[in-house]
Structure formats: structure tokens, C-alpha cells
Amino acid sequence: MERSSTIFAVASHFYDNPHNRGRYHRAAGMPATPRSSDARKRPPTYTWIVEEELKTISKEISETRQWAFEQQAYFGLLPKGGTRRTTEKRPRDAGLADRDLDERLKERRRAADRIAERSQLQEEFDKMEARWQERTGREERRRRQEQQRAEEQRARAEKQKQLERRSQEEAWKTYERRWTAIASGGGQLKFKSIPWPTTVAPRNVGEITPDAITKFIFSPAHSEGMSRKERIKSALRRWHPDRFGRVLSRVSEKDKGAVERGVGIVARCLNDLLAQEN
């Protein structure tokens, strides 16, 4: 009752002011000059207006508090008990709470910045690791390629070695077969008929070299169990100029000079090898 009287007095006082009277008329949707029949209803009408304004203000304050409570709940800034205070705080307490809220929000922002910085550092680290793995992968592929090339080279060398061995075996068989034919039969001989001690039959004297003779005499494709010195002596019994004289007499006059020079090259090479072994 006391509250209603106070509101009525405030309404009457505001209504006595012409300026306020026009504003309240406009707020209530009434004409600026009320009719005489409505004059006795003026106080209740503007009392209602003031009460409505107070209700609106109270509602806005309640909504503002509700919003602040929701923000605190969202950011986890409520007290541990989690209860909402219904009593009004003094203005000083409200200011302290706002400052505390600002500090907490700033700390949240700083924490978010730290998380973003760590995320950026992790991204940079992932990029560095990806580059390192790519470089390691290139080095591994290069190592495998080099290993593959080395294996291919070894395989080719082994294949070439086998081919050379078979070639030397065939050359030795041909060499022995021709010496047997020369020893058992007559007939005129030519340069290419002579069983020269080389893996590949020479076409001229220039192809009869010490290297070719040495490789042929010491080849592992023949004469297994014989020492190097025994192989040299066995060859000298055929290629010594005094012993080869009987074969040279059967060579045609056209090729006799080339055969003599070739025999001299073979004999000197065998003598040098024997001197080295001695």
C-alpha cells in the first residue's frame, strides 16, 4: 500500500509539469488535451504508465544478470558450487566481478594464443619432418639404384667371365687339335694355319702380343694341376726356334716371313715369363 501511494505521488508530481504531461500523453497514446470526462482518471492512468516503465527496467536488469550468468557459465568462471546468487551486489562488488571476468577472459585469450602458437610450431615441425622423409627417401632410392647397378655390373662381369672361360676352353681345344694335325700330317701351311697361343686367332703379326700370349698360357680353362713354370716349359718345347724349324719348312714362301716374326715374338715372351718364374 505504501509503495502504491509513493508511485501515485510521483505520478501526480510528474503530471503537474506540462512538459512531462505531453510526454506521458504520447506514451499512453492519448490526446495532448484530455477530455473533461477523463480528467478524474488521470492519476491511475499515469500510475500504470510509471509501473510499466519500472517493470520494463526491472525486466532489462534481470535479463542483463541472466546474460552475465550465462557468460560466466560458458567460460567456466562460476564458483565451484555452481549456484547463482540471487541477491543484488553492491556496485563495488559488481565492478570487482567485472574486472575479474575481464582478467579471466584475457587469460583464456592468452591460452588460446598459446595453443595456436603450438599448433603452428607443430605444423612447421610436420613440414620439416616431411621434407626430411622425402630427402631420406631420395637417398634410399639412390642407394638402391646404385646397389642395383653394382649388382648388374657384377652379373655382367660374371657373365663375361664365363664367356671368356668358354672361349678360352674352345681356343685351347682348337690349339691342341691343330698341333696334333701338324704333327701327324704333311702339307703346306699358311700363317692362319699355325696354332698361335692366343685366345682369338690373329690375322697378322701385329695381333700376336705378349699380353695375349700370357693370358692364353696361364688361363684357368685348361691344364689344371700344372704350375705356371710347367706350362711355360711345355709351350717352349713347341715354340723354340730350333724345334719349330721342321714346321717352318712346310710354310709357304708367301707367309714364311710373317710366321718367322710371329714365332720370334712367342719365343721371347715365353723366355721372359720363365725368367720371371725363376
C-alpha atoms as a PDB file:
ATOM      1  CA  MET A   1       0.000   0.000   0.000  1.00  0.00           C
ATOM      2  CA  GLU A   2       2.837   2.320   0.878  1.00  0.00           C
ATOM      3  CA  ARG A   3       4.538   1.537  -2.459  1.00  0.00           C
ATOM      4  CA  SER A   4       1.353   2.370  -4.408  1.00  0.00           C
ATOM      5  CA  SER A   5       0.992   5.703  -2.585  1.00  0.00           C
ATOM      6  CA  THR A   6       4.545   6.594  -3.404  1.00  0.00           C
ATOM      7  CA  ILE A   7       4.103   5.731  -7.044  1.00  0.00           C
ATOM      8  CA  PHE A   8       0.844   7.761  -7.088  1.00  0.00           C
ATOM      9  CA  ALA A   9       2.599  10.786  -5.618  1.00  0.00           C
ATOM     10  CA  VAL A  10       5.413  10.544  -8.139  1.00  0.00           C
ATOM     11  CA  ALA A  11       2.907  10.265 -10.973  1.00  0.00           C
ATOM     12  CA  SER A  12       0.952  13.304  -9.758  1.00  0.00           C
ATOM     13  CA  HIS A  13       4.091  15.385  -9.405  1.00  0.00           C
ATOM     14  CA  PHE A  14       5.285  14.454 -12.910  1.00  0.00           C
ATOM     15  CA  TYR A  15       1.849  15.139 -14.335  1.00  0.00           C
ATOM     16  CA  ASP A  16       1.805  18.691 -12.967  1.00  0.00           C
ATOM     17  CA  ASN A  17       4.737  19.503 -15.216  1.00  0.00           C
ATOM     18  CA  PRO A  18       3.355  20.458 -18.692  1.00  0.00           C
ATOM     19  CA  HIS A  19       6.375  19.024 -20.450  1.00  0.00           C
ATOM     20  CA  ASN A  20       6.042  15.677 -18.710  1.00  0.00           C
ATOM     21  CA  ARG A  21       2.315  15.709 -19.220  1.00  0.00           C
ATOM     22  CA  GLY A  22       2.695  15.849 -23.002  1.00  0.00           C
ATOM     23  CA  ARG A  23       5.353  13.075 -22.958  1.00  0.00           C
ATOM     24  CA  TYR A  24       3.166  10.808 -20.894  1.00  0.00           C
ATOM     25  CA  HIS A  25       0.184  11.531 -23.090  1.00  0.00           C
ATOM     26  CA  ARG A  26       2.215  10.466 -26.105  1.00  0.00           C
ATOM     27  CA  ALA A  27       3.483   7.344 -24.283  1.00  0.00           C
ATOM     28  CA  ALA A  28      -0.071   6.385 -23.357  1.00  0.00           C
ATOM     29  CA  GLY A  29      -1.424   7.090 -26.825  1.00  0.00           C
ATOM     30  CA  MET A  30      -3.800   9.796 -25.560  1.00  0.00           C
ATOM     31  CA  PRO A  31      -4.527  13.297 -26.910  1.00  0.00           C
ATOM     32  CA  ALA A  32      -2.402  16.128 -25.626  1.00  0.00           C
ATOM     33  CA  THR A  33      -5.518  17.802 -24.033  1.00  0.00           C
ATOM     34  CA  PRO A  34      -7.654  15.168 -22.330  1.00  0.00           C
ATOM     35  CA  ARG A  35     -11.410  15.439 -22.297  1.00  0.00           C
ATOM     36  CA  SER A  36     -13.165  16.604 -19.151  1.00  0.00           C
ATOM     37  CA  SER A  37     -14.865  13.233 -18.683  1.00  0.00           C
ATOM     38  CA  ASP A  38     -11.410  11.560 -18.414  1.00  0.00           C
ATOM     39  CA  ALA A  39      -9.925  14.084 -16.022  1.00  0.00           C
ATOM     40  CA  ARG A  40     -10.712  12.039 -12.888  1.00  0.00           C
ATOM     41  CA  LYS A  41      -8.899   9.033 -14.390  1.00  0.00           C
ATOM     42  CA  ARG A  42      -5.561  10.792 -14.902  1.00  0.00           C
ATOM     43  CA  PRO A  43      -3.727   9.599 -11.779  1.00  0.00           C
ATOM     44  CA  PRO A  44      -4.471   5.850 -12.235  1.00  0.00           C
ATOM     45  CA  THR A  45      -3.511   6.039 -15.939  1.00  0.00           C
ATOM     46  CA  TYR A  46      -0.076   7.553 -15.360  1.00  0.00           C
ATOM     47  CA  THR A  47       0.499   5.459 -12.291  1.00  0.00           C
ATOM     48  CA  TRP A  48       0.061   2.484 -14.572  1.00  0.00           C
ATOM     49  CA  ILE A  49       2.498   4.053 -17.037  1.00  0.00           C
ATOM     50  CA  VAL A  50       5.150   4.507 -14.342  1.00  0.00           C
ATOM     51  CA  GLU A  51       4.598   0.978 -13.099  1.00  0.00           C
ATOM     52  CA  GLU A  52       5.010  -0.351 -16.640  1.00  0.00           C
ATOM     53  CA  GLU A  53       8.234   1.589 -17.055  1.00  0.00           C
ATOM     54  CA  LEU A  54       9.521   0.222 -13.755  1.00  0.00           C
ATOM     55  CA  LYS A  55       8.569  -3.288 -14.860  1.00  0.00           C
ATOM     56  CA  THR A  56      10.466  -2.779 -18.125  1.00  0.00           C
ATOM     57  CA  ILE A  57      13.560  -1.557 -16.281  1.00  0.00           C
ATOM     58  CA  SER A  58      13.349  -4.452 -13.851  1.00  0.00           C
ATOM     59  CA  LYS A  59      12.996  -6.890 -16.726  1.00  0.00           C
ATOM     60  CA  GLU A  60      16.054  -5.434 -18.504  1.00  0.00           C
ATOM     61  CA  ILE A  61      18.118  -5.687 -15.311  1.00  0.00           C
ATOM     62  CA  SER A  62      17.009  -9.300 -14.870  1.00  0.00           C
ATOM     63  CA  GLU A  63      17.868 -10.148 -18.464  1.00  0.00           C
ATOM     64  CA  THR A  64      21.284  -8.470 -18.099  1.00  0.00           C
ATOM     65  CA  ARG A  65      22.035 -10.525 -14.973  1.00  0.00           C
ATOM     66  CA  GLN A  66      20.867 -13.672 -16.722  1.00  0.00           C
ATOM     67  CA  TRP A  67      23.180 -12.936 -19.679  1.00  0.00           C
ATOM     68  CA  ALA A  68      26.143 -12.318 -17.347  1.00  0.00           C
ATOM     69  CA  PHE A  69      25.430 -15.600 -15.558  1.00  0.00           C
ATOM     70  CA  GLU A  70      25.276 -17.474 -18.876  1.00  0.00           C
ATOM     71  CA  GLN A  71      28.589 -15.944 -19.999  1.00  0.00           C
ATOM     72  CA  GLN A  72      30.243 -16.955 -16.746  1.00  0.00           C
ATOM     73  CA  ALA A  73      28.840 -20.486 -17.096  1.00  0.00           C
ATOM     74  CA  TYR A  74      30.064 -20.678 -20.734  1.00  0.00           C
ATOM     75  CA  PHE A  75      33.617 -19.625 -19.895  1.00  0.00           C
ATOM     76  CA  GLY A  76      33.743 -21.722 -16.711  1.00  0.00           C
ATOM     77  CA  LEU A  77      34.015 -18.709 -14.394  1.00  0.00           C
ATOM     78  CA  LEU A  78      31.313 -19.681 -11.908  1.00  0.00           C
ATOM     79  CA  PRO A  79      32.228 -20.574  -8.319  1.00  0.00           C
ATOM     80  CA  LYS A  80      32.901 -24.235  -7.541  1.00  0.00           C
ATOM     81  CA  GLY A  81      29.429 -24.628  -6.035  1.00  0.00           C
ATOM     82  CA  GLY A  82      27.866 -23.574  -9.339  1.00  0.00           C
ATOM     83  CA  THR A  83      24.957 -21.731  -7.631  1.00  0.00           C
ATOM     84  CA  ARG A  84      23.615 -18.464  -8.883  1.00  0.00           C
ATOM     85  CA  ARG A  85      23.430 -15.586  -6.461  1.00  0.00           C
ATOM     86  CA  THR A  86      20.012 -14.009  -6.357  1.00  0.00           C
ATOM     87  CA  THR A  87      20.857 -11.151  -4.005  1.00  0.00           C
ATOM     88  CA  GLU A  88      21.942  -7.916  -5.536  1.00  0.00           C
ATOM     89  CA  LYS A  89      25.592  -6.966  -5.231  1.00  0.00           C
ATOM     90  CA  ARG A  90      26.827  -3.644  -4.235  1.00  0.00           C
ATOM     91  CA  PRO A  91      28.225  -1.536  -7.054  1.00  0.00           C
ATOM     92  CA  ARG A  92      31.763  -2.021  -5.766  1.00  0.00           C
ATOM     93  CA  ASP A  93      31.396  -5.827  -5.799  1.00  0.00           C
ATOM     94  CA  ALA A  94      29.946  -5.679  -9.283  1.00  0.00           C
ATOM     95  CA  GLY A  95      32.963  -3.719 -10.505  1.00  0.00           C
ATOM     96  CA  LEU A  96      35.344  -6.226  -8.958  1.00  0.00           C
ATOM     97  CA  ALA A  97      33.441  -9.089 -10.593  1.00  0.00           C
ATOM     98  CA  ASP A  98      33.653  -7.360 -13.988  1.00  0.00           C
ATOM     99  CA  ARG A  99      37.380  -6.844 -13.608  1.00  0.00           C
ATOM    100  CA  ASP A 100      37.775 -10.470 -12.559  1.00  0.00           C
ATOM    101  CA  LEU A 101      35.764 -11.544 -15.585  1.00  0.00           C
ATOM    102  CA  ASP A 102      37.956  -9.422 -17.856  1.00  0.00           C
ATOM    103  CA  GLU A 103      41.112 -10.963 -16.391  1.00  0.00           C
ATOM    104  CA  ARG A 104      39.732 -14.453 -16.857  1.00  0.00           C
ATOM    105  CA  LEU A 105      38.741 -13.666 -20.446  1.00  0.00           C
ATOM    106  CA  LYS A 106      42.209 -12.266 -21.116  1.00  0.00           C
ATOM    107  CA  GLU A 107      43.780 -15.419 -19.666  1.00  0.00           C
ATOM    108  CA  ARG A 108      41.533 -17.517 -21.891  1.00  0.00           C
ATOM    109  CA  ARG A 109      42.647 -15.500 -24.903  1.00  0.00           C
ATOM    110  CA  ARG A 110      46.299 -15.916 -23.931  1.00  0.00           C
ATOM    111  CA  ALA A 111      45.753 -19.653 -23.528  1.00  0.00           C
ATOM    112  CA  ALA A 112      44.099 -19.755 -26.959  1.00  0.00           C
ATOM    113  CA  ASP A 113      47.067 -17.834 -28.420  1.00  0.00           C
ATOM    114  CA  ARG A 114      49.490 -20.321 -26.852  1.00  0.00           C
ATOM    115  CA  ILE A 115      47.508 -23.213 -28.307  1.00  0.00           C
ATOM    116  CA  ALA A 116      47.544 -21.555 -31.733  1.00  0.00           C
ATOM    117  CA  GLU A 117      51.304 -20.973 -31.451  1.00  0.00           C
ATOM    118  CA  ARG A 118      51.901 -24.606 -30.500  1.00  0.00           C
ATOM    119  CA  SER A 119      49.707 -25.682 -33.390  1.00  0.00           C
ATOM    120  CA  GLN A 120      51.744 -23.520 -35.784  1.00  0.00           C
ATOM    121  CA  LEU A 121      55.004 -24.923 -34.404  1.00  0.00           C
ATOM    122  CA  GLN A 122      53.665 -28.451 -34.788  1.00  0.00           C
ATOM    123  CA  GLU A 123      52.686 -27.686 -38.376  1.00  0.00           C
ATOM    124  CA  GLU A 124      56.200 -26.377 -39.110  1.00  0.00           C
ATOM    125  CA  PHE A 125      57.688 -29.463 -37.487  1.00  0.00           C
ATOM    126  CA  ASP A 126      55.467 -31.709 -39.591  1.00  0.00           C
ATOM    127  CA  LYS A 127      56.638 -29.888 -42.733  1.00  0.00           C
ATOM    128  CA  MET A 128      60.290 -30.280 -41.709  1.00  0.00           C
ATOM    129  CA  GLU A 129      59.734 -33.966 -40.988  1.00  0.00           C
ATOM    130  CA  ALA A 130      58.029 -34.430 -44.360  1.00  0.00           C
ATOM    131  CA  ARG A 131      60.989 -32.764 -46.117  1.00  0.00           C
ATOM    132  CA  TRP A 132      63.417 -34.918 -44.144  1.00  0.00           C
ATOM    133  CA  GLN A 133      61.497 -38.070 -45.033  1.00  0.00           C
ATOM    134  CA  GLU A 134      61.418 -37.002 -48.693  1.00  0.00           C
ATOM    135  CA  ARG A 135      65.182 -36.396 -48.674  1.00  0.00           C
ATOM    136  CA  THR A 136      65.744 -39.706 -46.881  1.00  0.00           C
ATOM    137  CA  GLY A 137      63.524 -41.422 -49.437  1.00  0.00           C
ATOM    138  CA  ARG A 138      65.532 -39.917 -52.298  1.00  0.00           C
ATOM    139  CA  GLU A 139      68.784 -41.043 -50.710  1.00  0.00           C
ATOM    140  CA  GLU A 140      67.358 -44.518 -50.139  1.00  0.00           C
ATOM    141  CA  ARG A 141      66.173 -44.734 -53.749  1.00  0.00           C
ATOM    142  CA  ARG A 142      69.576 -43.522 -54.956  1.00  0.00           C
ATOM    143  CA  ARG A 143      71.326 -46.103 -52.770  1.00  0.00           C
ATOM    144  CA  ARG A 144      69.084 -48.852 -54.106  1.00  0.00           C
ATOM    145  CA  GLN A 145      69.705 -47.732 -57.677  1.00  0.00           C
ATOM    146  CA  GLU A 146      73.470 -47.739 -57.109  1.00  0.00           C
ATOM    147  CA  GLN A 147      73.231 -51.154 -55.482  1.00  0.00           C
ATOM    148  CA  GLN A 148      71.166 -52.415 -58.407  1.00  0.00           C
ATOM    149  CA  ARG A 149      73.678 -51.020 -60.909  1.00  0.00           C
ATOM    150  CA  ALA A 150      76.541 -52.610 -58.957  1.00  0.00           C
ATOM    151  CA  GLU A 151      74.721 -55.962 -58.964  1.00  0.00           C
ATOM    152  CA  GLU A 152      74.060 -55.627 -62.687  1.00  0.00           C
ATOM    153  CA  GLN A 153      77.727 -54.845 -63.290  1.00  0.00           C
ATOM    154  CA  ARG A 154      78.779 -57.867 -61.229  1.00  0.00           C
ATOM    155  CA  ALA A 155      76.328 -60.010 -63.146  1.00  0.00           C
ATOM    156  CA  ARG A 156      77.654 -58.733 -66.469  1.00  0.00           C
ATOM    157  CA  ALA A 157      81.247 -59.252 -65.298  1.00  0.00           C
ATOM    158  CA  GLU A 158      80.444 -62.797 -64.188  1.00  0.00           C
ATOM    159  CA  LYS A 159      78.699 -63.492 -67.471  1.00  0.00           C
ATOM    160  CA  GLN A 160      81.636 -62.039 -69.383  1.00  0.00           C
ATOM    161  CA  LYS A 161      83.999 -64.137 -67.298  1.00  0.00           C
ATOM    162  CA  GLN A 162      82.026 -67.270 -68.115  1.00  0.00           C
ATOM    163  CA  LEU A 163      82.006 -66.376 -71.805  1.00  0.00           C
ATOM    164  CA  GLU A 164      85.752 -65.790 -71.743  1.00  0.00           C
ATOM    165  CA  ARG A 165      86.299 -69.103 -69.984  1.00  0.00           C
ATOM    166  CA  ARG A 166      84.239 -70.959 -72.565  1.00  0.00           C
ATOM    167  CA  SER A 167      86.051 -69.080 -75.312  1.00  0.00           C
ATOM    168  CA  GLN A 168      89.419 -69.997 -73.808  1.00  0.00           C
ATOM    169  CA  GLU A 169      88.340 -73.609 -73.442  1.00  0.00           C
ATOM    170  CA  GLU A 170      87.349 -73.741 -77.114  1.00  0.00           C
ATOM    171  CA  ALA A 171      90.535 -71.914 -78.113  1.00  0.00           C
ATOM    172  CA  TRP A 172      92.687 -74.403 -76.147  1.00  0.00           C
ATOM    173  CA  LYS A 173      90.904 -77.359 -77.730  1.00  0.00           C
ATOM    174  CA  THR A 174      91.457 -75.872 -81.179  1.00  0.00           C
ATOM    175  CA  TYR A 175      95.107 -75.166 -80.288  1.00  0.00           C
ATOM    176  CA  GLU A 176      95.789 -78.783 -79.251  1.00  0.00           C
ATOM    177  CA  ARG A 177      93.852 -80.192 -82.198  1.00  0.00           C
ATOM    178  CA  ARG A 178      95.870 -78.175 -84.711  1.00  0.00           C
ATOM    179  CA  TRP A 179      99.187 -79.158 -83.153  1.00  0.00           C
ATOM    180  CA  THR A 180      98.123 -82.787 -83.357  1.00  0.00           C
ATOM    181  CA  ALA A 181      97.203 -82.311 -87.018  1.00  0.00           C
ATOM    182  CA  ILE A 182     100.563 -80.642 -87.781  1.00  0.00           C
ATOM    183  CA  ALA A 183     102.493 -83.394 -86.019  1.00  0.00           C
ATOM    184  CA  SER A 184     100.647 -86.236 -87.782  1.00  0.00           C
ATOM    185  CA  GLY A 185     100.361 -84.965 -91.319  1.00  0.00           C
ATOM    186  CA  GLY A 186     102.194 -83.157 -94.079  1.00  0.00           C
ATOM    187  CA  GLY A 187     101.020 -80.446 -96.394  1.00  0.00           C
ATOM    188  CA  GLN A 188     101.768 -76.795 -96.938  1.00  0.00           C
ATOM    189  CA  LEU A 189     100.979 -74.376 -94.076  1.00  0.00           C
ATOM    190  CA  LYS A 190      99.964 -70.743 -94.117  1.00  0.00           C
ATOM    191  CA  PHE A 191     100.011 -68.012 -91.471  1.00  0.00           C
ATOM    192  CA  LYS A 192      96.439 -68.697 -90.431  1.00  0.00           C
ATOM    193  CA  SER A 193      97.140 -72.482 -90.266  1.00  0.00           C
ATOM    194  CA  ILE A 194      99.630 -72.052 -87.410  1.00  0.00           C
ATOM    195  CA  PRO A 195      98.058 -72.729 -83.952  1.00  0.00           C
ATOM    196  CA  TRP A 196      99.141 -69.449 -82.345  1.00  0.00           C
ATOM    197  CA  PRO A 197      98.973 -69.339 -78.492  1.00  0.00           C
ATOM    198  CA  THR A 198      96.192 -66.721 -78.351  1.00  0.00           C
ATOM    199  CA  THR A 199      92.512 -66.976 -77.489  1.00  0.00           C
ATOM    200  CA  VAL A 200      91.499 -65.257 -80.723  1.00  0.00           C
ATOM    201  CA  ALA A 201      93.316 -66.372 -83.860  1.00  0.00           C
ATOM    202  CA  PRO A 202      95.490 -63.454 -85.066  1.00  0.00           C
ATOM    203  CA  ARG A 203      95.010 -62.097 -88.573  1.00  0.00           C
ATOM    204  CA  ASN A 204      98.532 -60.676 -88.753  1.00  0.00           C
ATOM    205  CA  VAL A 205     101.755 -60.460 -86.746  1.00  0.00           C
ATOM    206  CA  GLY A 206     100.634 -57.261 -85.031  1.00  0.00           C
ATOM    207  CA  GLU A 207      97.899 -59.164 -83.152  1.00  0.00           C
ATOM    208  CA  ILE A 208     100.418 -61.574 -81.594  1.00  0.00           C
ATOM    209  CA  THR A 209     101.179 -59.643 -78.391  1.00  0.00           C
ATOM    210  CA  PRO A 210     102.821 -60.673 -75.090  1.00  0.00           C
ATOM    211  CA  ASP A 211      99.631 -59.884 -73.189  1.00  0.00           C
ATOM    212  CA  ALA A 212      97.546 -62.184 -75.408  1.00  0.00           C
ATOM    213  CA  ILE A 213     100.165 -64.959 -75.107  1.00  0.00           C
ATOM    214  CA  THR A 214     100.420 -64.638 -71.289  1.00  0.00           C
ATOM    215  CA  LYS A 215      96.628 -64.676 -70.872  1.00  0.00           C
ATOM    216  CA  PHE A 216      96.317 -67.767 -73.020  1.00  0.00           C
ATOM    217  CA  ILE A 217      99.169 -69.740 -71.382  1.00  0.00           C
ATOM    218  CA  PHE A 218      98.015 -69.029 -67.792  1.00  0.00           C
ATOM    219  CA  SER A 219      94.290 -69.401 -68.453  1.00  0.00           C
ATOM    220  CA  PRO A 220      92.439 -71.466 -65.792  1.00  0.00           C
ATOM    221  CA  ALA A 221      90.329 -73.006 -68.564  1.00  0.00           C
ATOM    222  CA  HIS A 222      92.971 -75.637 -69.330  1.00  0.00           C
ATOM    223  CA  SER A 223      95.963 -77.558 -67.969  1.00  0.00           C
ATOM    224  CA  GLU A 224      94.518 -77.968 -64.484  1.00  0.00           C
ATOM    225  CA  GLY A 225      97.069 -79.194 -61.973  1.00  0.00           C
ATOM    226  CA  MET A 226     100.048 -77.770 -63.889  1.00  0.00           C
ATOM    227  CA  SER A 227     102.135 -74.977 -62.364  1.00  0.00           C
ATOM    228  CA  ARG A 228     102.956 -71.775 -64.208  1.00  0.00           C
ATOM    229  CA  LYS A 229     106.542 -72.905 -64.855  1.00  0.00           C
ATOM    230  CA  GLU A 230     105.388 -76.266 -66.219  1.00  0.00           C
ATOM    231  CA  ARG A 231     103.003 -74.523 -68.592  1.00  0.00           C
ATOM    232  CA  ILE A 232     105.808 -72.257 -69.863  1.00  0.00           C
ATOM    233  CA  LYS A 233     108.203 -75.151 -70.424  1.00  0.00           C
ATOM    234  CA  SER A 234     105.536 -77.172 -72.228  1.00  0.00           C
ATOM    235  CA  ALA A 235     104.932 -74.227 -74.598  1.00  0.00           C
ATOM    236  CA  LEU A 236     108.682 -73.689 -75.195  1.00  0.00           C
ATOM    237  CA  ARG A 237     109.053 -77.293 -76.431  1.00  0.00           C
ATOM    238  CA  ARG A 238     106.824 -76.292 -79.344  1.00  0.00           C
ATOM    239  CA  TRP A 239     107.800 -72.660 -79.930  1.00  0.00           C
ATOM    240  CA  HIS A 240     111.547 -72.693 -79.524  1.00  0.00           C
ATOM    241  CA  PRO A 241     113.015 -71.609 -82.898  1.00  0.00           C
ATOM    242  CA  ASP A 242     115.216 -74.727 -83.095  1.00  0.00           C
ATOM    243  CA  ARG A 243     112.246 -77.046 -82.584  1.00  0.00           C
ATOM    244  CA  PHE A 244     109.886 -75.023 -84.786  1.00  0.00           C
ATOM    245  CA  GLY A 245     112.268 -75.305 -87.771  1.00  0.00           C
ATOM    246  CA  ARG A 246     110.614 -78.509 -89.046  1.00  0.00           C
ATOM    247  CA  VAL A 247     107.192 -76.775 -89.080  1.00  0.00           C
ATOM    248  CA  LEU A 248     108.574 -73.607 -90.666  1.00  0.00           C
ATOM    249  CA  SER A 249     109.892 -75.648 -93.648  1.00  0.00           C
ATOM    250  CA  ARG A 250     106.312 -76.513 -94.558  1.00  0.00           C
ATOM    251  CA  VAL A 251     105.099 -72.860 -94.585  1.00  0.00           C
ATOM    252  CA  SER A 252     104.521 -71.255 -97.973  1.00  0.00           C
ATOM    253  CA  GLU A 253     107.088 -68.717 -99.127  1.00  0.00           C
ATOM    254  CA  LYS A 254     104.433 -66.007 -99.109  1.00  0.00           C
ATOM    255  CA  ASP A 255     103.730 -66.374 -95.356  1.00  0.00           C
ATOM    256  CA  LYS A 256     107.147 -67.608 -94.180  1.00  0.00           C
ATOM    257  CA  GLY A 257     108.441 -64.172 -93.167  1.00  0.00           C
ATOM    258  CA  ALA A 258     105.329 -63.368 -91.087  1.00  0.00           C
ATOM    259  CA  VAL A 259     105.434 -66.803 -89.437  1.00  0.00           C
ATOM    260  CA  GLU A 260     109.119 -66.336 -88.520  1.00  0.00           C
ATOM    261  CA  ARG A 261     108.411 -62.974 -86.903  1.00  0.00           C
ATOM    262  CA  GLY A 262     105.434 -64.423 -85.020  1.00  0.00           C
ATOM    263  CA  VAL A 263     107.458 -67.368 -83.738  1.00  0.00           C
ATOM    264  CA  GLY A 264     110.140 -64.945 -82.500  1.00  0.00           C
ATOM    265  CA  ILE A 265     107.535 -62.936 -80.549  1.00  0.00           C
ATOM    266  CA  VAL A 266     106.135 -66.103 -78.915  1.00  0.00           C
ATOM    267  CA  ALA A 267     109.590 -67.462 -78.009  1.00  0.00           C
ATOM    268  CA  ARG A 268     110.776 -64.175 -76.461  1.00  0.00           C
ATOM    269  CA  CYS A 269     107.562 -63.859 -74.441  1.00  0.00           C
ATOM    270  CA  LEU A 270     107.870 -67.424 -73.079  1.00  0.00           C
ATOM    271  CA  ASN A 271     111.546 -66.888 -72.167  1.00  0.00           C
ATOM    272  CA  ASP A 272     110.654 -63.685 -70.299  1.00  0.00           C
ATOM    273  CA  LEU A 273     107.871 -65.483 -68.386  1.00  0.00           C
ATOM    274  CA  LEU A 274     110.240 -68.300 -67.466  1.00  0.00           C
ATOM    275  CA  ALA A 275     112.841 -65.789 -66.238  1.00  0.00           C
ATOM    276  CA  GLN A 276     110.221 -64.165 -64.059  1.00  0.00           C
ATOM    277  CA  GLU A 277     109.224 -67.503 -62.572  1.00  0.00           C
ATOM    278  CA  ASN A 278     112.868 -68.424 -61.884  1.00  0.00           C
END
